[in-house]
N, C-alpha and C. Protein backbone atom coordinates (compact mmCIF):
# COMPACT_ATOMS: atom_id res chain seq x y z
N MET A 1 119.31 -161.20 -177.26
CA MET A 1 119.58 -161.28 -178.67
C MET A 1 119.62 -162.75 -179.04
N LEU A 2 118.80 -163.11 -179.99
CA LEU A 2 118.73 -164.50 -180.43
C LEU A 2 119.38 -164.61 -181.80
N VAL A 3 120.40 -165.46 -181.92
CA VAL A 3 121.14 -165.63 -183.17
C VAL A 3 121.19 -167.11 -183.52
N PRO A 4 121.36 -167.44 -184.81
CA PRO A 4 121.36 -168.86 -185.21
C PRO A 4 122.51 -169.67 -184.62
N GLU A 5 123.62 -169.03 -184.32
CA GLU A 5 124.79 -169.76 -183.84
C GLU A 5 124.67 -170.20 -182.37
N VAL A 6 123.69 -169.65 -181.66
CA VAL A 6 123.52 -169.99 -180.25
C VAL A 6 122.10 -170.56 -180.07
N PRO A 7 121.97 -171.88 -180.01
CA PRO A 7 120.64 -172.48 -179.87
C PRO A 7 120.00 -172.11 -178.53
N PHE A 8 118.67 -172.08 -178.51
CA PHE A 8 117.95 -171.73 -177.28
C PHE A 8 116.65 -172.50 -177.21
N ASP A 9 116.18 -172.69 -175.98
CA ASP A 9 114.86 -173.27 -175.74
C ASP A 9 113.91 -172.13 -175.45
N LEU A 10 112.68 -172.30 -175.82
CA LEU A 10 111.68 -171.26 -175.56
C LEU A 10 111.18 -171.36 -174.12
N ASP A 11 110.86 -172.56 -173.69
CA ASP A 11 110.31 -172.78 -172.35
C ASP A 11 111.34 -173.47 -171.47
N GLY A 12 110.98 -173.64 -170.22
CA GLY A 12 111.85 -174.34 -169.28
C GLY A 12 112.57 -173.39 -168.36
N LYS A 13 113.24 -173.96 -167.37
CA LYS A 13 113.90 -173.19 -166.32
C LYS A 13 114.94 -172.21 -166.86
N HIS A 14 115.67 -172.60 -167.91
CA HIS A 14 116.71 -171.75 -168.47
C HIS A 14 116.34 -171.21 -169.84
N GLY A 15 115.10 -171.45 -170.28
CA GLY A 15 114.67 -171.04 -171.61
C GLY A 15 114.49 -169.54 -171.75
N PHE A 16 114.34 -169.11 -172.99
CA PHE A 16 114.23 -167.70 -173.33
C PHE A 16 113.10 -166.99 -172.58
N LEU A 17 111.92 -167.61 -172.51
CA LEU A 17 110.79 -166.93 -171.85
C LEU A 17 111.04 -166.73 -170.36
N LYS A 18 111.73 -167.66 -169.72
CA LYS A 18 112.07 -167.52 -168.30
C LYS A 18 113.11 -166.40 -168.12
N VAL A 19 114.07 -166.33 -169.03
CA VAL A 19 115.07 -165.25 -168.99
C VAL A 19 114.38 -163.90 -169.19
N LEU A 20 113.45 -163.84 -170.12
CA LEU A 20 112.69 -162.61 -170.37
C LEU A 20 111.87 -162.22 -169.14
N GLU A 21 111.26 -163.21 -168.51
CA GLU A 21 110.47 -162.95 -167.30
C GLU A 21 111.34 -162.33 -166.20
N ARG A 22 112.53 -162.91 -165.98
CA ARG A 22 113.44 -162.36 -164.97
C ARG A 22 113.88 -160.94 -165.32
N ARG A 23 114.15 -160.71 -166.59
CA ARG A 23 114.56 -159.37 -167.04
C ARG A 23 113.45 -158.35 -166.75
N LEU A 24 112.21 -158.71 -167.03
CA LEU A 24 111.08 -157.80 -166.80
C LEU A 24 110.86 -157.55 -165.31
N GLU A 25 111.07 -158.56 -164.50
CA GLU A 25 110.94 -158.39 -163.05
C GLU A 25 112.01 -157.44 -162.52
N GLU A 26 113.23 -157.53 -163.07
CA GLU A 26 114.35 -156.71 -162.59
C GLU A 26 114.33 -155.30 -163.14
N ARG A 27 113.97 -155.15 -164.42
CA ARG A 27 114.14 -153.85 -165.08
C ARG A 27 112.85 -153.23 -165.61
N ASN A 28 111.77 -153.97 -165.64
CA ASN A 28 110.47 -153.48 -166.13
C ASN A 28 110.44 -153.16 -167.62
N HIS A 29 111.43 -153.59 -168.37
CA HIS A 29 111.42 -153.42 -169.81
C HIS A 29 112.38 -154.42 -170.44
N ALA A 30 112.19 -154.66 -171.73
CA ALA A 30 113.09 -155.54 -172.45
C ALA A 30 113.00 -155.23 -173.94
N LEU A 31 114.10 -155.41 -174.62
CA LEU A 31 114.16 -155.31 -176.07
C LEU A 31 114.70 -156.64 -176.56
N VAL A 32 113.94 -157.30 -177.41
CA VAL A 32 114.34 -158.60 -177.92
C VAL A 32 114.72 -158.43 -179.39
N VAL A 33 115.93 -158.82 -179.73
CA VAL A 33 116.41 -158.77 -181.10
C VAL A 33 116.56 -160.20 -181.58
N VAL A 34 115.94 -160.51 -182.72
CA VAL A 34 115.96 -161.86 -183.25
C VAL A 34 116.57 -161.83 -184.65
N ALA A 35 117.69 -162.51 -184.83
CA ALA A 35 118.36 -162.57 -186.13
C ALA A 35 117.66 -163.58 -187.03
N GLU A 36 117.69 -163.29 -188.32
CA GLU A 36 117.14 -164.22 -189.30
C GLU A 36 117.88 -165.55 -189.17
N GLY A 37 117.15 -166.63 -189.13
CA GLY A 37 117.76 -167.95 -189.02
C GLY A 37 117.81 -168.50 -187.61
N ALA A 38 117.61 -167.64 -186.62
CA ALA A 38 117.62 -168.11 -185.23
C ALA A 38 116.40 -168.98 -184.97
N GLY A 39 116.54 -169.97 -184.13
CA GLY A 39 115.41 -170.76 -183.66
C GLY A 39 114.64 -171.53 -184.70
N GLN A 40 115.24 -171.85 -185.82
CA GLN A 40 114.52 -172.57 -186.87
C GLN A 40 114.04 -173.94 -186.39
N ASP A 41 114.74 -174.52 -185.42
CA ASP A 41 114.34 -175.81 -184.87
C ASP A 41 113.04 -175.72 -184.07
N LEU A 42 112.64 -174.52 -183.65
CA LEU A 42 111.42 -174.34 -182.87
C LEU A 42 110.18 -174.25 -183.76
N LEU A 43 110.37 -173.90 -185.01
CA LEU A 43 109.24 -173.77 -185.92
C LEU A 43 108.77 -175.15 -186.36
N GLU A 44 107.50 -175.24 -186.72
CA GLU A 44 106.96 -176.53 -187.15
C GLU A 44 107.75 -177.06 -188.33
N LYS A 45 108.03 -178.34 -188.26
CA LYS A 45 108.78 -178.96 -189.34
C LYS A 45 107.84 -179.83 -190.16
N ASP A 46 107.95 -179.67 -191.46
CA ASP A 46 107.20 -180.53 -192.38
C ASP A 46 108.13 -181.64 -192.85
N ASN A 47 107.54 -182.71 -193.31
CA ASN A 47 108.35 -183.76 -193.91
C ASN A 47 108.66 -183.43 -195.36
N LYS A 48 108.09 -182.33 -195.84
CA LYS A 48 108.34 -181.92 -197.22
C LYS A 48 109.78 -181.45 -197.36
N GLN A 49 110.23 -181.46 -198.60
CA GLN A 49 111.56 -180.92 -198.86
C GLN A 49 111.52 -179.41 -198.63
N LYS A 50 112.57 -178.86 -198.06
CA LYS A 50 112.59 -177.44 -197.74
C LYS A 50 112.55 -176.63 -199.02
N GLU A 51 111.75 -175.55 -198.98
CA GLU A 51 111.65 -174.68 -200.14
C GLU A 51 112.92 -173.85 -200.28
N ARG A 52 113.24 -173.53 -201.53
CA ARG A 52 114.43 -172.72 -201.80
C ARG A 52 114.03 -171.52 -202.65
N ASP A 53 114.81 -170.44 -202.48
CA ASP A 53 114.55 -169.24 -203.28
C ASP A 53 115.25 -169.38 -204.63
N ALA A 54 115.17 -168.32 -205.44
CA ALA A 54 115.73 -168.36 -206.79
C ALA A 54 117.24 -168.58 -206.78
N SER A 55 117.92 -168.21 -205.70
CA SER A 55 119.37 -168.39 -205.61
C SER A 55 119.76 -169.76 -205.05
N GLY A 56 118.77 -170.57 -204.66
CA GLY A 56 119.04 -171.89 -204.12
C GLY A 56 119.17 -171.92 -202.61
N ASN A 57 118.96 -170.79 -201.95
CA ASN A 57 119.04 -170.74 -200.50
C ASN A 57 117.74 -171.25 -199.88
N ILE A 58 117.85 -171.93 -198.76
CA ILE A 58 116.66 -172.43 -198.06
C ILE A 58 115.87 -171.24 -197.53
N ILE A 59 114.56 -171.26 -197.77
CA ILE A 59 113.70 -170.19 -197.26
C ILE A 59 113.44 -170.47 -195.79
N LEU A 60 113.84 -169.53 -194.95
CA LEU A 60 113.73 -169.69 -193.50
C LEU A 60 112.35 -169.29 -193.00
N GLY A 61 111.92 -169.93 -191.93
CA GLY A 61 110.67 -169.54 -191.29
C GLY A 61 110.85 -168.22 -190.55
N ASP A 62 109.76 -167.51 -190.32
CA ASP A 62 109.84 -166.20 -189.67
C ASP A 62 109.82 -166.36 -188.16
N ILE A 63 110.98 -166.52 -187.58
CA ILE A 63 111.11 -166.73 -186.14
C ILE A 63 110.70 -165.49 -185.35
N GLY A 64 110.88 -164.30 -185.92
CA GLY A 64 110.52 -163.07 -185.21
C GLY A 64 109.05 -163.04 -184.86
N ILE A 65 108.21 -163.36 -185.82
CA ILE A 65 106.76 -163.38 -185.57
C ILE A 65 106.40 -164.49 -184.60
N TYR A 66 107.07 -165.64 -184.73
CA TYR A 66 106.81 -166.76 -183.83
C TYR A 66 107.13 -166.38 -182.38
N VAL A 67 108.30 -165.77 -182.16
CA VAL A 67 108.70 -165.35 -180.81
C VAL A 67 107.75 -164.29 -180.29
N ARG A 68 107.39 -163.32 -181.14
CA ARG A 68 106.44 -162.28 -180.74
C ARG A 68 105.13 -162.90 -180.27
N ASP A 69 104.61 -163.86 -181.04
CA ASP A 69 103.34 -164.50 -180.67
C ASP A 69 103.46 -165.30 -179.38
N CYS A 70 104.60 -165.95 -179.15
CA CYS A 70 104.82 -166.69 -177.90
C CYS A 70 104.85 -165.75 -176.71
N ILE A 71 105.51 -164.61 -176.86
CA ILE A 71 105.57 -163.63 -175.78
C ILE A 71 104.17 -163.06 -175.52
N ALA A 72 103.47 -162.68 -176.57
CA ALA A 72 102.12 -162.13 -176.43
C ALA A 72 101.18 -163.14 -175.78
N SER A 73 101.30 -164.40 -176.17
CA SER A 73 100.48 -165.45 -175.59
C SER A 73 100.76 -165.59 -174.10
N ARG A 74 102.03 -165.53 -173.74
CA ARG A 74 102.41 -165.64 -172.33
C ARG A 74 101.83 -164.47 -171.53
N PHE A 75 101.89 -163.26 -172.09
CA PHE A 75 101.33 -162.09 -171.40
C PHE A 75 99.81 -162.19 -171.28
N SER A 76 99.14 -162.66 -172.33
CA SER A 76 97.68 -162.73 -172.30
C SER A 76 97.18 -163.79 -171.33
N SER A 77 98.05 -164.71 -170.92
CA SER A 77 97.64 -165.74 -169.97
C SER A 77 97.82 -165.29 -168.52
N GLY A 78 98.09 -163.99 -168.32
CA GLY A 78 98.22 -163.45 -166.97
C GLY A 78 99.62 -163.52 -166.42
N TRP A 79 100.59 -163.82 -167.24
CA TRP A 79 101.98 -163.94 -166.82
C TRP A 79 102.45 -162.63 -166.21
N GLN A 80 102.41 -161.57 -166.97
CA GLN A 80 102.71 -160.22 -166.52
C GLN A 80 101.92 -159.28 -167.42
N GLU A 81 101.74 -158.05 -166.97
CA GLU A 81 101.08 -157.07 -167.81
C GLU A 81 102.14 -156.35 -168.61
N ALA A 82 101.97 -156.32 -169.93
CA ALA A 82 102.97 -155.66 -170.77
C ALA A 82 102.38 -155.37 -172.14
N THR A 83 103.04 -154.49 -172.83
CA THR A 83 102.71 -154.19 -174.21
C THR A 83 103.82 -154.76 -175.08
N VAL A 84 103.45 -155.51 -176.09
CA VAL A 84 104.44 -156.12 -176.98
C VAL A 84 104.36 -155.40 -178.32
N LYS A 85 105.47 -154.86 -178.75
CA LYS A 85 105.58 -154.20 -180.06
C LYS A 85 106.50 -155.04 -180.92
N TYR A 86 106.21 -155.10 -182.22
CA TYR A 86 107.03 -155.87 -183.14
C TYR A 86 107.42 -154.97 -184.32
N ILE A 87 108.71 -154.90 -184.60
CA ILE A 87 109.19 -154.11 -185.73
C ILE A 87 110.08 -155.00 -186.58
N ASP A 88 109.80 -155.06 -187.87
CA ASP A 88 110.66 -155.78 -188.80
C ASP A 88 111.55 -154.74 -189.46
N PRO A 89 112.81 -154.64 -189.03
CA PRO A 89 113.66 -153.55 -189.52
C PRO A 89 114.02 -153.63 -191.00
N SER A 90 113.85 -154.81 -191.62
CA SER A 90 114.22 -154.91 -193.03
C SER A 90 113.43 -153.92 -193.87
N TYR A 91 112.17 -153.72 -193.54
CA TYR A 91 111.36 -152.76 -194.30
C TYR A 91 111.75 -151.33 -193.97
N VAL A 92 112.08 -151.06 -192.73
CA VAL A 92 112.49 -149.72 -192.32
C VAL A 92 113.80 -149.36 -193.01
N ILE A 93 114.73 -150.30 -193.05
CA ILE A 93 116.04 -150.05 -193.66
C ILE A 93 115.88 -149.81 -195.16
N ARG A 94 115.08 -150.65 -195.82
CA ARG A 94 114.92 -150.52 -197.27
C ARG A 94 114.16 -149.26 -197.66
N SER A 95 113.35 -148.73 -196.78
CA SER A 95 112.54 -147.57 -197.14
C SER A 95 113.18 -146.25 -196.71
N SER A 96 114.34 -146.31 -196.08
CA SER A 96 115.00 -145.08 -195.64
C SER A 96 115.65 -144.39 -196.83
N PRO A 97 115.45 -143.09 -196.95
CA PRO A 97 116.10 -142.38 -198.06
C PRO A 97 117.61 -142.28 -197.84
N ALA A 98 118.34 -142.26 -198.94
CA ALA A 98 119.79 -142.11 -198.85
C ALA A 98 120.13 -140.70 -198.40
N ASN A 99 121.14 -140.58 -197.54
CA ASN A 99 121.61 -139.25 -197.16
C ASN A 99 122.81 -138.89 -198.03
N ALA A 100 123.40 -137.74 -197.79
CA ALA A 100 124.51 -137.28 -198.63
C ALA A 100 125.70 -138.23 -198.58
N ASP A 101 126.01 -138.76 -197.40
CA ASP A 101 127.13 -139.70 -197.27
C ASP A 101 126.87 -140.96 -198.10
N ASP A 102 125.64 -141.47 -198.06
CA ASP A 102 125.29 -142.65 -198.85
C ASP A 102 125.49 -142.37 -200.34
N SER A 103 125.04 -141.21 -200.78
CA SER A 103 125.16 -140.86 -202.21
C SER A 103 126.62 -140.76 -202.64
N VAL A 104 127.44 -140.13 -201.82
CA VAL A 104 128.87 -140.01 -202.15
C VAL A 104 129.52 -141.39 -202.18
N PHE A 105 129.23 -142.22 -201.17
CA PHE A 105 129.82 -143.57 -201.10
C PHE A 105 129.41 -144.40 -202.32
N CYS A 106 128.13 -144.37 -202.67
CA CYS A 106 127.66 -145.15 -203.83
C CYS A 106 128.29 -144.65 -205.13
N THR A 107 128.48 -143.34 -205.24
CA THR A 107 129.13 -142.78 -206.43
C THR A 107 130.56 -143.29 -206.53
N LYS A 108 131.28 -143.32 -205.42
CA LYS A 108 132.66 -143.81 -205.42
C LYS A 108 132.71 -145.31 -205.76
N LEU A 109 131.76 -146.08 -205.23
CA LEU A 109 131.70 -147.50 -205.58
C LEU A 109 131.46 -147.66 -207.08
N ALA A 110 130.54 -146.87 -207.61
CA ALA A 110 130.21 -146.95 -209.03
C ALA A 110 131.42 -146.57 -209.89
N HIS A 111 132.11 -145.49 -209.54
CA HIS A 111 133.29 -145.08 -210.30
C HIS A 111 134.33 -146.19 -210.31
N ASN A 112 134.58 -146.79 -209.16
CA ASN A 112 135.57 -147.86 -209.08
C ASN A 112 135.12 -149.09 -209.85
N ALA A 113 133.83 -149.39 -209.86
CA ALA A 113 133.33 -150.53 -210.62
C ALA A 113 133.50 -150.30 -212.12
N VAL A 114 133.22 -149.08 -212.57
CA VAL A 114 133.38 -148.76 -213.99
C VAL A 114 134.85 -148.85 -214.39
N HIS A 115 135.74 -148.30 -213.56
CA HIS A 115 137.18 -148.37 -213.86
C HIS A 115 137.65 -149.82 -213.90
N ALA A 116 137.14 -150.65 -212.99
CA ALA A 116 137.52 -152.06 -212.99
C ALA A 116 137.05 -152.73 -214.27
N ALA A 117 135.83 -152.47 -214.68
CA ALA A 117 135.30 -153.07 -215.90
C ALA A 117 136.08 -152.60 -217.12
N MET A 118 136.38 -151.31 -217.16
CA MET A 118 137.12 -150.75 -218.31
C MET A 118 138.53 -151.33 -218.41
N SER A 119 139.09 -151.75 -217.26
CA SER A 119 140.44 -152.32 -217.30
C SER A 119 140.40 -153.85 -217.45
N GLY A 120 139.19 -154.40 -217.64
CA GLY A 120 139.07 -155.83 -217.93
C GLY A 120 138.81 -156.72 -216.73
N CYS A 121 138.61 -156.14 -215.56
CA CYS A 121 138.34 -156.96 -214.38
C CYS A 121 136.92 -157.52 -214.43
N THR A 122 136.79 -158.80 -214.17
CA THR A 122 135.49 -159.45 -214.12
C THR A 122 135.44 -160.34 -212.89
N LYS A 123 134.27 -160.87 -212.60
CA LYS A 123 134.05 -161.80 -211.48
C LYS A 123 134.61 -161.24 -210.18
N MET A 124 134.29 -159.96 -209.90
CA MET A 124 134.76 -159.30 -208.69
C MET A 124 133.74 -158.27 -208.25
N VAL A 125 133.89 -157.82 -207.01
CA VAL A 125 133.06 -156.73 -206.49
C VAL A 125 134.00 -155.66 -205.95
N VAL A 126 133.52 -154.44 -205.94
CA VAL A 126 134.29 -153.34 -205.37
C VAL A 126 133.88 -153.21 -203.92
N SER A 127 134.86 -153.04 -203.05
CA SER A 127 134.59 -152.95 -201.62
C SER A 127 135.50 -151.90 -201.00
N LEU A 128 135.12 -151.43 -199.84
CA LEU A 128 135.95 -150.49 -199.10
C LEU A 128 136.56 -151.23 -197.91
N TRP A 129 137.87 -151.42 -197.94
CA TRP A 129 138.59 -152.06 -196.85
C TRP A 129 139.67 -151.12 -196.38
N ASN A 130 139.70 -150.83 -195.08
CA ASN A 130 140.71 -149.95 -194.50
C ASN A 130 140.82 -148.62 -195.26
N ASN A 131 139.67 -148.05 -195.57
CA ASN A 131 139.58 -146.76 -196.27
C ASN A 131 140.18 -146.78 -197.67
N THR A 132 140.28 -147.96 -198.26
CA THR A 132 140.78 -148.09 -199.63
C THR A 132 139.80 -148.93 -200.43
N PHE A 133 139.44 -148.44 -201.63
CA PHE A 133 138.57 -149.22 -202.49
C PHE A 133 139.38 -150.35 -203.10
N THR A 134 138.87 -151.56 -202.98
CA THR A 134 139.59 -152.75 -203.44
C THR A 134 138.71 -153.57 -204.35
N HIS A 135 139.34 -154.45 -205.12
CA HIS A 135 138.63 -155.41 -205.96
C HIS A 135 138.68 -156.74 -205.24
N VAL A 136 137.52 -157.28 -204.91
CA VAL A 136 137.46 -158.54 -204.18
C VAL A 136 136.89 -159.61 -205.12
N PRO A 137 137.63 -160.69 -205.35
CA PRO A 137 137.13 -161.75 -206.22
C PRO A 137 135.83 -162.34 -205.67
N MET A 138 134.90 -162.63 -206.57
CA MET A 138 133.62 -163.22 -206.16
C MET A 138 133.84 -164.52 -205.40
N SER A 139 134.85 -165.28 -205.80
CA SER A 139 135.10 -166.55 -205.10
C SER A 139 135.41 -166.31 -203.62
N ALA A 140 136.08 -165.20 -203.31
CA ALA A 140 136.36 -164.88 -201.91
C ALA A 140 135.11 -164.40 -201.19
N VAL A 141 134.25 -163.69 -201.91
CA VAL A 141 133.03 -163.16 -201.30
C VAL A 141 132.09 -164.29 -200.91
N ILE A 142 131.98 -165.32 -201.74
CA ILE A 142 131.01 -166.38 -201.49
C ILE A 142 131.63 -167.64 -200.89
N SER A 143 132.90 -167.58 -200.51
CA SER A 143 133.59 -168.78 -200.04
C SER A 143 133.06 -169.29 -198.71
N SER A 144 132.50 -168.42 -197.88
CA SER A 144 131.98 -168.89 -196.60
C SER A 144 130.90 -167.94 -196.11
N LYS A 145 130.09 -168.45 -195.19
CA LYS A 145 129.07 -167.62 -194.56
C LYS A 145 129.67 -166.93 -193.36
N LYS A 146 129.28 -165.69 -193.16
CA LYS A 146 129.75 -164.98 -191.98
C LYS A 146 128.93 -165.46 -190.78
N GLN A 147 129.61 -165.90 -189.75
CA GLN A 147 128.93 -166.41 -188.57
C GLN A 147 129.53 -165.82 -187.30
N ILE A 148 128.72 -165.80 -186.27
CA ILE A 148 129.18 -165.33 -184.96
C ILE A 148 129.85 -166.49 -184.25
N ASN A 149 130.99 -166.24 -183.67
CA ASN A 149 131.65 -167.23 -182.83
C ASN A 149 131.15 -166.98 -181.40
N PRO A 150 130.38 -167.91 -180.83
CA PRO A 150 129.83 -167.70 -179.48
C PRO A 150 130.88 -167.58 -178.38
N LEU A 151 132.15 -167.85 -178.70
CA LEU A 151 133.22 -167.71 -177.72
C LEU A 151 134.09 -166.48 -178.00
N SER A 152 133.72 -165.72 -179.03
CA SER A 152 134.53 -164.56 -179.41
C SER A 152 134.36 -163.42 -178.40
N PRO A 153 135.37 -162.56 -178.31
CA PRO A 153 135.25 -161.40 -177.42
C PRO A 153 134.06 -160.50 -177.78
N GLU A 154 133.76 -160.42 -179.08
CA GLU A 154 132.64 -159.57 -179.52
C GLU A 154 131.32 -160.10 -178.98
N TRP A 155 131.08 -161.41 -179.09
CA TRP A 155 129.82 -161.98 -178.60
C TRP A 155 129.77 -161.92 -177.07
N LEU A 156 130.90 -162.18 -176.42
CA LEU A 156 130.94 -162.11 -174.96
C LEU A 156 130.67 -160.68 -174.49
N ALA A 157 131.10 -159.68 -175.27
CA ALA A 157 130.80 -158.28 -174.94
C ALA A 157 129.30 -158.01 -175.08
N VAL A 158 128.66 -158.61 -176.08
CA VAL A 158 127.20 -158.47 -176.24
C VAL A 158 126.50 -159.04 -175.01
N LEU A 159 126.92 -160.23 -174.58
CA LEU A 159 126.30 -160.86 -173.41
C LEU A 159 126.50 -160.00 -172.16
N GLU A 160 127.69 -159.47 -172.00
CA GLU A 160 128.00 -158.62 -170.84
C GLU A 160 127.15 -157.35 -170.86
N THR A 161 127.03 -156.74 -172.01
CA THR A 161 126.29 -155.49 -172.14
C THR A 161 124.79 -155.69 -171.91
N THR A 162 124.25 -156.78 -172.45
CA THR A 162 122.80 -157.01 -172.35
C THR A 162 122.40 -157.73 -171.08
N GLY A 163 123.34 -158.38 -170.41
CA GLY A 163 123.00 -159.16 -169.23
C GLY A 163 122.37 -160.49 -169.57
N GLN A 164 122.46 -160.86 -170.82
CA GLN A 164 121.89 -162.12 -171.32
C GLN A 164 122.78 -163.28 -170.89
N PRO A 165 122.20 -164.42 -170.50
CA PRO A 165 123.04 -165.56 -170.16
C PRO A 165 123.71 -166.14 -171.40
N ALA A 166 124.81 -166.83 -171.21
CA ALA A 166 125.54 -167.43 -172.33
C ALA A 166 124.73 -168.54 -172.98
N SER A 167 123.85 -169.18 -172.21
CA SER A 167 123.04 -170.27 -172.75
C SER A 167 121.61 -170.15 -172.25
N MET A 168 120.67 -170.38 -173.17
CA MET A 168 119.25 -170.44 -172.80
C MET A 168 118.71 -171.82 -173.17
N LYS A 169 119.54 -172.83 -172.94
CA LYS A 169 119.15 -174.23 -173.15
C LYS A 169 118.93 -174.87 -171.78
N ASN A 170 117.96 -175.77 -171.71
CA ASN A 170 117.66 -176.46 -170.46
C ASN A 170 118.58 -177.65 -170.27
């Protein structure tokens, strides 16, 4: 799993491709998950000012396609025989129809949003925390970016479960 909070090298003794090679030798299969924003330092850098979207956020390069192409290139050079599949889940997620639970949840969010508006609440979002619908101020929602702590028990559990090394830097 490649995430922005944990830098990695693509090549080299401890790099991602070497880790992938060892995984394939040991298990004959691998699933690579690449988070948006991971490995931006590996993509070609222009001296131009970084492009921004309508909200002012920097438009990130597509690291998933870059990693896929690097893996495919390595396989085509006789590294190992394998089939490389690439799935961009954002399209799969957006195209999935809502189920009954989704419809009920969205209805409850909408009811709570209408009640909040009718009572004069503004600059807030409705959220479900601890099975209770709450009003969360927008300032709290946008106050910080959610990030993975590479020393957290949750991330260490991911490493333990996947067998991924803590660092893929040379």
